[in-house]
Protein backbone atom coordinates (compact mmCIF):
# COMPACT_ATOMS: atom_id res chain seq x y z
CA MET A 1 -33.09 80.64 -30.89
CA ASP A 2 -32.31 83.38 -28.83
CA THR A 3 -31.09 82.20 -24.75
CA GLY A 4 -30.94 85.45 -23.30
CA LEU A 5 -27.32 84.61 -21.92
CA VAL A 6 -24.34 86.06 -22.61
CA PHE A 7 -20.99 83.97 -22.59
CA GLY A 8 -17.62 84.24 -24.56
CA MET A 9 -15.50 81.30 -26.00
CA GLU A 10 -16.68 78.85 -23.79
CA PRO A 11 -19.25 78.28 -20.95
CA PRO A 12 -17.91 79.31 -17.75
CA PRO A 13 -16.38 76.02 -15.56
CA PRO A 14 -19.20 74.71 -13.46
CA GLY A 15 -19.42 76.65 -10.65
CA GLN A 16 -18.72 80.67 -11.98
CA VAL A 17 -20.36 83.40 -12.90
CA ALA A 18 -19.99 84.65 -16.38
CA ASN A 19 -19.40 88.10 -15.00
CA PHE A 20 -19.27 90.91 -18.59
CA VAL A 21 -21.05 94.05 -16.90
CA ASN A 22 -18.74 94.96 -13.84
CA PRO A 23 -15.40 91.68 -13.77
CA ASP A 24 -12.15 91.64 -11.49
CA SER A 25 -10.02 94.21 -12.04
CA ASP A 26 -5.73 93.32 -10.21
CA GLY A 27 -5.43 96.29 -12.59
CA TYR A 28 -4.05 99.27 -9.70
CA LYS A 29 -2.23 96.08 -8.37
CA ILE A 30 0.02 96.23 -11.61
CA ILE A 31 0.43 100.48 -11.80
CA VAL A 32 2.02 99.79 -7.71
CA LEU A 33 4.15 97.13 -8.31
CA ASN A 34 5.41 99.56 -11.47
CA VAL A 35 5.72 101.69 -9.28
CA VAL A 36 7.84 100.48 -5.88
CA MET A 37 10.02 98.79 -9.44
CA LEU A 38 10.71 101.94 -10.77
CA VAL A 39 12.11 103.34 -7.33
CA VAL A 40 13.35 100.43 -6.49
CA THR A 41 15.81 100.99 -10.04
CA ALA A 42 16.12 104.34 -9.11
CA ILE A 43 17.64 103.48 -5.49
CA VAL A 44 20.13 100.99 -7.26
CA THR A 45 21.18 102.64 -10.23
CA ALA A 46 22.26 105.96 -7.82
CA LEU A 47 23.98 103.51 -5.13
CA ARG A 48 26.71 102.22 -8.21
CA LEU A 49 26.73 105.59 -9.89
CA TYR A 50 27.68 107.02 -6.48
CA THR A 51 29.66 103.96 -5.83
CA ARG A 52 31.46 104.32 -8.83
CA ILE A 53 32.28 108.30 -8.52
CA TYR A 54 32.91 109.02 -4.85
CA ILE A 55 33.73 105.71 -3.70
CA VAL A 56 36.20 103.93 -6.47
CA LYS A 57 36.55 107.56 -7.50
CA LYS A 58 36.83 106.18 -11.00
CA ASN A 59 35.15 107.94 -13.66
CA LEU A 60 32.01 106.88 -15.39
CA ALA A 61 32.73 104.13 -18.08
CA LEU A 62 31.46 102.84 -20.90
CA ASP A 63 28.76 100.38 -18.98
CA ASP A 64 28.05 103.02 -16.13
CA TYR A 65 26.69 105.15 -19.74
CA PHE A 66 25.04 102.68 -21.14
CA LEU A 67 22.67 101.48 -17.26
CA LEU A 68 22.01 105.33 -17.77
CA ALA A 69 20.56 104.56 -20.73
CA GLY A 70 19.13 101.69 -20.36
CA TRP A 71 17.25 103.65 -16.70
CA VAL A 72 15.98 106.68 -18.47
CA GLN A 73 15.14 103.89 -21.47
CA VAL A 74 12.77 102.49 -18.30
CA PHE A 75 11.20 105.37 -17.49
CA PHE A 76 10.33 107.79 -20.05
CA GLY A 77 9.46 104.73 -21.92
CA PRO A 78 10.78 102.86 -25.53
CA VAL A 79 12.01 106.33 -27.71
CA PRO A 80 9.12 106.54 -31.04
């Protein structure tokens, strides 16, 4: 029995209409948030390294190299 209606796994809640043709998307919000957080992490990382090298006047230690490696991993994505 074909009613011509399209449903997902369950019918939508009362008062809601299923929209499979042009659903709402928040994808652009996720992209904007990722870019903002990447800029924030770049600034914090740069400030930490600047502080370590020029203000504290110490050489970079192992934790700084791990910080840089982690930030590169975040920026460029996982290495295959």
